[in-house]
Amino acid sequence: VVFDTETTGLSAIYDRVIELSAVKMKNSNVIDQFEEFIDPGFHLSEQTTNLTSITDEMVHGSKSEEEVFKLFRDFCEDAIVVGHNVTFDIGFMNTGYVRHGMPEIKNPIIDTLTLARFLYPNMRGYRLNTLAKKFDVNLEHHHRAIYDAETTGHLNNLFLKDAEDRYGIVYHD
């Protein structure tokens, strides 16, 4: 399960997830998807809207954080969870899970940022859009969670194949 969040800021403590999306992939094909807005209960800043293209109208009346996080856990089940700079997203998710008295994410995790840095140490940058361009992977709308998740999934498949071919790595750990 490859996922991404869009948030109201950089602090898992003071800011909130406003979009949580994921794609379930098998053999580099998307077989299922999860896409939910979350109403943070306050007005989105101009900076948040400019970066994400998410407006107050889009999140107003959406499901609560607790409800979406429960649905996400059900969607993931026991799958390996993948993200780009995933420690950022996992930090927001686990803070939210704790806030609602739920256990933190225990799934195995792969970070495509860490993987890219390991496999391609001489690259100048490792932002998602930079990697997508370098590896000719479509990134439809950067900073919208569902598109970022799908692009990350395709990059992950390329990186895992390269890790296996070059280093014999076949297990996530």
C-alpha atoms as a PDB file:
ATOM      1  CA  VAL A   1       0.000   0.000   0.000  1.00  0.00           C
ATOM      2  CA  VAL A   2       1.549   3.263  -1.160  1.00  0.00           C
ATOM      3  CA  PHE A   3       0.176   6.314   0.619  1.00  0.00           C
ATOM      4  CA  ASP A   4       0.532  10.057   0.954  1.00  0.00           C
ATOM      5  CA  THR A   5      -0.925  12.763   3.136  1.00  0.00           C
ATOM      6  CA  GLU A   6      -1.568  16.430   2.562  1.00  0.00           C
ATOM      7  CA  THR A   7      -1.400  18.473   5.745  1.00  0.00           C
ATOM      8  CA  THR A   8      -2.036  21.979   7.030  1.00  0.00           C
ATOM      9  CA  GLY A   9       1.624  22.407   7.978  1.00  0.00           C
ATOM     10  CA  LEU A  10       4.807  20.640   9.014  1.00  0.00           C
ATOM     11  CA  SER A  11       4.080  19.858  12.682  1.00  0.00           C
ATOM     12  CA  ALA A  12       2.406  16.540  13.469  1.00  0.00           C
ATOM     13  CA  ILE A  13       1.452  18.024  16.858  1.00  0.00           C
ATOM     14  CA  TYR A  14      -0.083  21.343  15.808  1.00  0.00           C
ATOM     15  CA  ASP A  15      -1.152  20.701  12.216  1.00  0.00           C
ATOM     16  CA  ARG A  16      -3.612  18.206  10.744  1.00  0.00           C
ATOM     17  CA  VAL A  17      -3.979  15.797   7.843  1.00  0.00           C
ATOM     18  CA  ILE A  18      -6.530  17.156   5.357  1.00  0.00           C
ATOM     19  CA  GLU A  19      -6.170  14.494   2.660  1.00  0.00           C
ATOM     20  CA  LEU A  20      -5.171  10.853   2.979  1.00  0.00           C
ATOM     21  CA  SER A  21      -4.850   8.744  -0.131  1.00  0.00           C
ATOM     22  CA  ALA A  22      -3.343   5.404  -1.001  1.00  0.00           C
ATOM     23  CA  VAL A  23      -3.076   2.914  -3.813  1.00  0.00           C
ATOM     24  CA  LYS A  24      -2.835  -0.814  -3.366  1.00  0.00           C
ATOM     25  CA  MET A  25      -0.385  -2.178  -5.930  1.00  0.00           C
ATOM     26  CA  LYS A  26       0.451  -5.659  -7.147  1.00  0.00           C
ATOM     27  CA  ASN A  27       2.987  -6.334  -9.910  1.00  0.00           C
ATOM     28  CA  SER A  28       3.203  -2.562 -10.545  1.00  0.00           C
ATOM     29  CA  ASN A  29      -0.540  -2.318 -11.204  1.00  0.00           C
ATOM     30  CA  VAL A  30      -2.972  -0.330  -9.094  1.00  0.00           C
ATOM     31  CA  ILE A  31      -5.568  -2.829  -7.860  1.00  0.00           C
ATOM     32  CA  ASP A  32      -7.416  -0.606  -5.363  1.00  0.00           C
ATOM     33  CA  GLN A  33      -7.389   2.956  -4.129  1.00  0.00           C
ATOM     34  CA  PHE A  34      -8.288   4.932  -1.023  1.00  0.00           C
ATOM     35  CA  GLU A  35      -8.989   8.658  -1.185  1.00  0.00           C
ATOM     36  CA  GLU A  36     -10.466  10.773   1.606  1.00  0.00           C
ATOM     37  CA  PHE A  37     -10.526  14.416   2.623  1.00  0.00           C
ATOM     38  CA  ILE A  38     -10.565  15.194   6.334  1.00  0.00           C
ATOM     39  CA  ASP A  39     -12.288  18.235   7.775  1.00  0.00           C
ATOM     40  CA  PRO A  40      -9.716  19.772  10.153  1.00  0.00           C
ATOM     41  CA  GLY A  41     -12.394  21.881  11.834  1.00  0.00           C
ATOM     42  CA  PHE A  42     -10.695  25.184  10.999  1.00  0.00           C
ATOM     43  CA  HIS A  43     -10.044  27.497   8.042  1.00  0.00           C
ATOM     44  CA  LEU A  44      -7.207  26.420   5.732  1.00  0.00           C
ATOM     45  CA  SER A  45      -4.428  28.943   5.324  1.00  0.00           C
ATOM     46  CA  GLU A  46      -3.757  30.539   1.962  1.00  0.00           C
ATOM     47  CA  GLN A  47      -0.353  28.827   1.981  1.00  0.00           C
ATOM     48  CA  THR A  48      -1.958  25.385   2.421  1.00  0.00           C
ATOM     49  CA  THR A  49      -4.448  26.018  -0.372  1.00  0.00           C
ATOM     50  CA  ASN A  50      -1.747  27.391  -2.698  1.00  0.00           C
ATOM     51  CA  LEU A  51       0.512  24.367  -2.135  1.00  0.00           C
ATOM     52  CA  THR A  52      -2.118  21.612  -2.232  1.00  0.00           C
ATOM     53  CA  SER A  53      -4.964  23.182  -4.271  1.00  0.00           C
ATOM     54  CA  ILE A  54      -7.243  21.948  -1.466  1.00  0.00           C
ATOM     55  CA  THR A  55      -9.863  24.490  -0.405  1.00  0.00           C
ATOM     56  CA  ASP A  56     -12.112  24.906   2.629  1.00  0.00           C
ATOM     57  CA  GLU A  57     -15.060  23.869   0.453  1.00  0.00           C
ATOM     58  CA  MET A  58     -13.362  20.580  -0.460  1.00  0.00           C
ATOM     59  CA  VAL A  59     -12.763  19.525   3.162  1.00  0.00           C
ATOM     60  CA  HIS A  60     -15.835  21.057   4.814  1.00  0.00           C
ATOM     61  CA  GLY A  61     -18.240  18.340   5.927  1.00  0.00           C
ATOM     62  CA  SER A  62     -15.777  15.537   5.163  1.00  0.00           C
ATOM     63  CA  LYS A  63     -15.252  12.624   7.517  1.00  0.00           C
ATOM     64  CA  SER A  64     -13.409  13.122  10.792  1.00  0.00           C
ATOM     65  CA  GLU A  65      -9.736  12.292  11.257  1.00  0.00           C
ATOM     66  CA  GLU A  66     -10.634   9.370  13.525  1.00  0.00           C
ATOM     67  CA  GLU A  67     -13.066   7.903  10.992  1.00  0.00           C
ATOM     68  CA  VAL A  68     -10.649   8.240   8.032  1.00  0.00           C
ATOM     69  CA  PHE A  69      -7.709   6.835  10.003  1.00  0.00           C
ATOM     70  CA  LYS A  70      -9.783   3.767  10.964  1.00  0.00           C
ATOM     71  CA  LEU A  71     -10.784   3.263   7.332  1.00  0.00           C
ATOM     72  CA  PHE A  72      -7.137   3.600   6.273  1.00  0.00           C
ATOM     73  CA  ARG A  73      -6.049   0.946   8.778  1.00  0.00           C
ATOM     74  CA  ASP A  74      -8.699  -1.406   7.365  1.00  0.00           C
ATOM     75  CA  PHE A  75      -7.523  -0.633   3.823  1.00  0.00           C
ATOM     76  CA  CYS A  76      -3.879  -1.405   4.670  1.00  0.00           C
ATOM     77  CA  GLU A  77      -4.483  -4.550   6.702  1.00  0.00           C
ATOM     78  CA  ASP A  78      -1.045  -6.188   7.056  1.00  0.00           C
ATOM     79  CA  ALA A  79       0.482  -4.863   3.804  1.00  0.00           C
ATOM     80  CA  ILE A  80       3.895  -3.262   3.555  1.00  0.00           C
ATOM     81  CA  VAL A  81       3.341   0.504   3.674  1.00  0.00           C
ATOM     82  CA  VAL A  82       5.311   2.667   1.231  1.00  0.00           C
ATOM     83  CA  GLY A  83       5.751   6.422   1.040  1.00  0.00           C
ATOM     84  CA  HIS A  84       8.144   9.107  -0.132  1.00  0.00           C
ATOM     85  CA  ASN A  85       9.774  10.746   2.888  1.00  0.00           C
ATOM     86  CA  VAL A  86       7.397   8.460   4.739  1.00  0.00           C
ATOM     87  CA  THR A  87       8.610   9.420   8.223  1.00  0.00           C
ATOM     88  CA  PHE A  88       6.774  12.739   7.733  1.00  0.00           C
ATOM     89  CA  ASP A  89       3.490  10.999   6.879  1.00  0.00           C
ATOM     90  CA  ILE A  90       3.884   8.258   9.511  1.00  0.00           C
ATOM     91  CA  GLY A  91       4.518  10.955  12.124  1.00  0.00           C
ATOM     92  CA  PHE A  92       1.183  12.610  11.314  1.00  0.00           C
ATOM     93  CA  MET A  93      -0.609   9.260  11.174  1.00  0.00           C
ATOM     94  CA  ASN A  94       0.770   7.949  14.462  1.00  0.00           C
ATOM     95  CA  THR A  95       0.102  11.264  16.234  1.00  0.00           C
ATOM     96  CA  GLY A  96      -3.503  11.039  15.035  1.00  0.00           C
ATOM     97  CA  TYR A  97      -3.835   7.398  16.030  1.00  0.00           C
ATOM     98  CA  VAL A  98      -2.554   8.180  19.540  1.00  0.00           C
ATOM     99  CA  ARG A  99      -4.875  11.212  19.762  1.00  0.00           C
ATOM    100  CA  HIS A 100      -7.823   8.861  19.168  1.00  0.00           C
ATOM    101  CA  GLY A 101      -6.620   6.084  21.484  1.00  0.00           C
ATOM    102  CA  MET A 102      -5.668   3.733  18.660  1.00  0.00           C
ATOM    103  CA  PRO A 103      -2.393   1.833  18.247  1.00  0.00           C
ATOM    104  CA  GLU A 104       0.325   3.282  16.041  1.00  0.00           C
ATOM    105  CA  ILE A 105       1.126   1.811  12.615  1.00  0.00           C
ATOM    106  CA  LYS A 106       2.986  -1.482  13.018  1.00  0.00           C
ATOM    107  CA  ASN A 107       3.165  -2.443   9.321  1.00  0.00           C
ATOM    108  CA  PRO A 108       6.570  -2.861   7.697  1.00  0.00           C
ATOM    109  CA  ILE A 109       7.546   0.394   5.969  1.00  0.00           C
ATOM    110  CA  ILE A 110       9.561   1.277   2.865  1.00  0.00           C
ATOM    111  CA  ASP A 111      10.672   4.867   2.272  1.00  0.00           C
ATOM    112  CA  THR A 112      11.331   5.579  -1.412  1.00  0.00           C
ATOM    113  CA  LEU A 113      13.376   8.645  -0.410  1.00  0.00           C
ATOM    114  CA  THR A 114      15.806   6.471   1.593  1.00  0.00           C
ATOM    115  CA  LEU A 115      15.812   3.858  -1.164  1.00  0.00           C
ATOM    116  CA  ALA A 116      16.577   6.452  -3.867  1.00  0.00           C
ATOM    117  CA  ARG A 117      19.418   7.941  -1.803  1.00  0.00           C
ATOM    118  CA  PHE A 118      20.884   4.450  -1.353  1.00  0.00           C
ATOM    119  CA  LEU A 119      20.549   3.412  -5.002  1.00  0.00           C
ATOM    120  CA  TYR A 120      21.448   6.735  -6.635  1.00  0.00           C
ATOM    121  CA  PRO A 121      23.840   8.536  -4.260  1.00  0.00           C
ATOM    122  CA  ASN A 122      25.087  10.975  -6.899  1.00  0.00           C
ATOM    123  CA  MET A 123      21.764  12.602  -7.695  1.00  0.00           C
ATOM    124  CA  ARG A 124      21.400  16.264  -6.811  1.00  0.00           C
ATOM    125  CA  GLY A 125      17.893  16.056  -5.419  1.00  0.00           C
ATOM    126  CA  TYR A 126      15.409  13.439  -4.314  1.00  0.00           C
ATOM    127  CA  ARG A 127      12.103  15.277  -4.363  1.00  0.00           C
ATOM    128  CA  LEU A 128       9.226  13.251  -5.734  1.00  0.00           C
ATOM    129  CA  ASN A 129       8.822  15.426  -8.830  1.00  0.00           C
ATOM    130  CA  THR A 130      12.594  15.284  -9.513  1.00  0.00           C
ATOM    131  CA  LEU A 131      12.629  11.476  -9.294  1.00  0.00           C
ATOM    132  CA  ALA A 132       9.484  11.172 -11.417  1.00  0.00           C
ATOM    133  CA  LYS A 133      11.080  13.274 -14.140  1.00  0.00           C
ATOM    134  CA  LYS A 134      14.410  11.402 -14.011  1.00  0.00           C
ATOM    135  CA  PHE A 135      12.759   7.975 -14.218  1.00  0.00           C
ATOM    136  CA  ASP A 136      10.058   9.066 -16.678  1.00  0.00           C
ATOM    137  CA  VAL A 137       7.173   8.320 -14.299  1.00  0.00           C
ATOM    138  CA  ASN A 138       4.024  10.391 -14.745  1.00  0.00           C
ATOM    139  CA  LEU A 139       3.189  12.794 -11.900  1.00  0.00           C
ATOM    140  CA  GLU A 140      -0.225  14.159 -12.741  1.00  0.00           C
ATOM    141  CA  HIS A 141      -0.774  16.753  -9.997  1.00  0.00           C
ATOM    142  CA  HIS A 142       2.019  17.175  -7.463  1.00  0.00           C
ATOM    143  CA  HIS A 143       0.872  17.811  -3.871  1.00  0.00           C
ATOM    144  CA  ARG A 144      -2.396  15.974  -4.296  1.00  0.00           C
ATOM    145  CA  ALA A 145      -2.184  12.786  -2.303  1.00  0.00           C
ATOM    146  CA  ILE A 146      -3.656  10.259  -4.744  1.00  0.00           C
ATOM    147  CA  TYR A 147      -1.347  11.315  -7.594  1.00  0.00           C
ATOM    148  CA  ASP A 148       1.710  11.463  -5.350  1.00  0.00           C
ATOM    149  CA  ALA A 149       0.892   7.998  -3.979  1.00  0.00           C
ATOM    150  CA  GLU A 150       0.543   6.429  -7.412  1.00  0.00           C
ATOM    151  CA  THR A 151       3.760   8.038  -8.680  1.00  0.00           C
ATOM    152  CA  THR A 152       5.567   6.866  -5.535  1.00  0.00           C
ATOM    153  CA  GLY A 153       4.269   3.351  -6.159  1.00  0.00           C
ATOM    154  CA  HIS A 154       5.638   3.256  -9.688  1.00  0.00           C
ATOM    155  CA  LEU A 155       8.995   4.647  -8.517  1.00  0.00           C
ATOM    156  CA  ASN A 156       9.056   2.074  -5.710  1.00  0.00           C
ATOM    157  CA  ASN A 157       8.632  -0.751  -8.229  1.00  0.00           C
ATOM    158  CA  LEU A 158      11.517   0.584 -10.331  1.00  0.00           C
ATOM    159  CA  PHE A 159      13.728   1.023  -7.258  1.00  0.00           C
ATOM    160  CA  LEU A 160      12.949  -2.455  -5.878  1.00  0.00           C
ATOM    161  CA  LYS A 161      13.802  -4.050  -9.219  1.00  0.00           C
ATOM    162  CA  ASP A 162      17.055  -2.084  -9.339  1.00  0.00           C
ATOM    163  CA  ALA A 163      17.866  -3.051  -5.711  1.00  0.00           C
ATOM    164  CA  GLU A 164      17.310  -6.706  -6.561  1.00  0.00           C
ATOM    165  CA  ASP A 165      19.294  -6.581  -9.818  1.00  0.00           C
ATOM    166  CA  ARG A 166      22.243  -4.633  -8.411  1.00  0.00           C
ATOM    167  CA  TYR A 167      22.407  -5.838  -4.791  1.00  0.00           C
ATOM    168  CA  GLY A 168      20.304  -8.991  -4.519  1.00  0.00           C
ATOM    169  CA  ILE A 169      17.881  -7.260  -2.145  1.00  0.00           C
ATOM    170  CA  VAL A 170      14.581  -9.136  -2.164  1.00  0.00           C
ATOM    171  CA  TYR A 171      13.127  -8.481   1.330  1.00  0.00           C
ATOM    172  CA  HIS A 172      11.857  -5.181   2.665  1.00  0.00           C
ATOM    173  CA  ASP A 173      13.981  -5.408   5.795  1.00  0.00           C
END
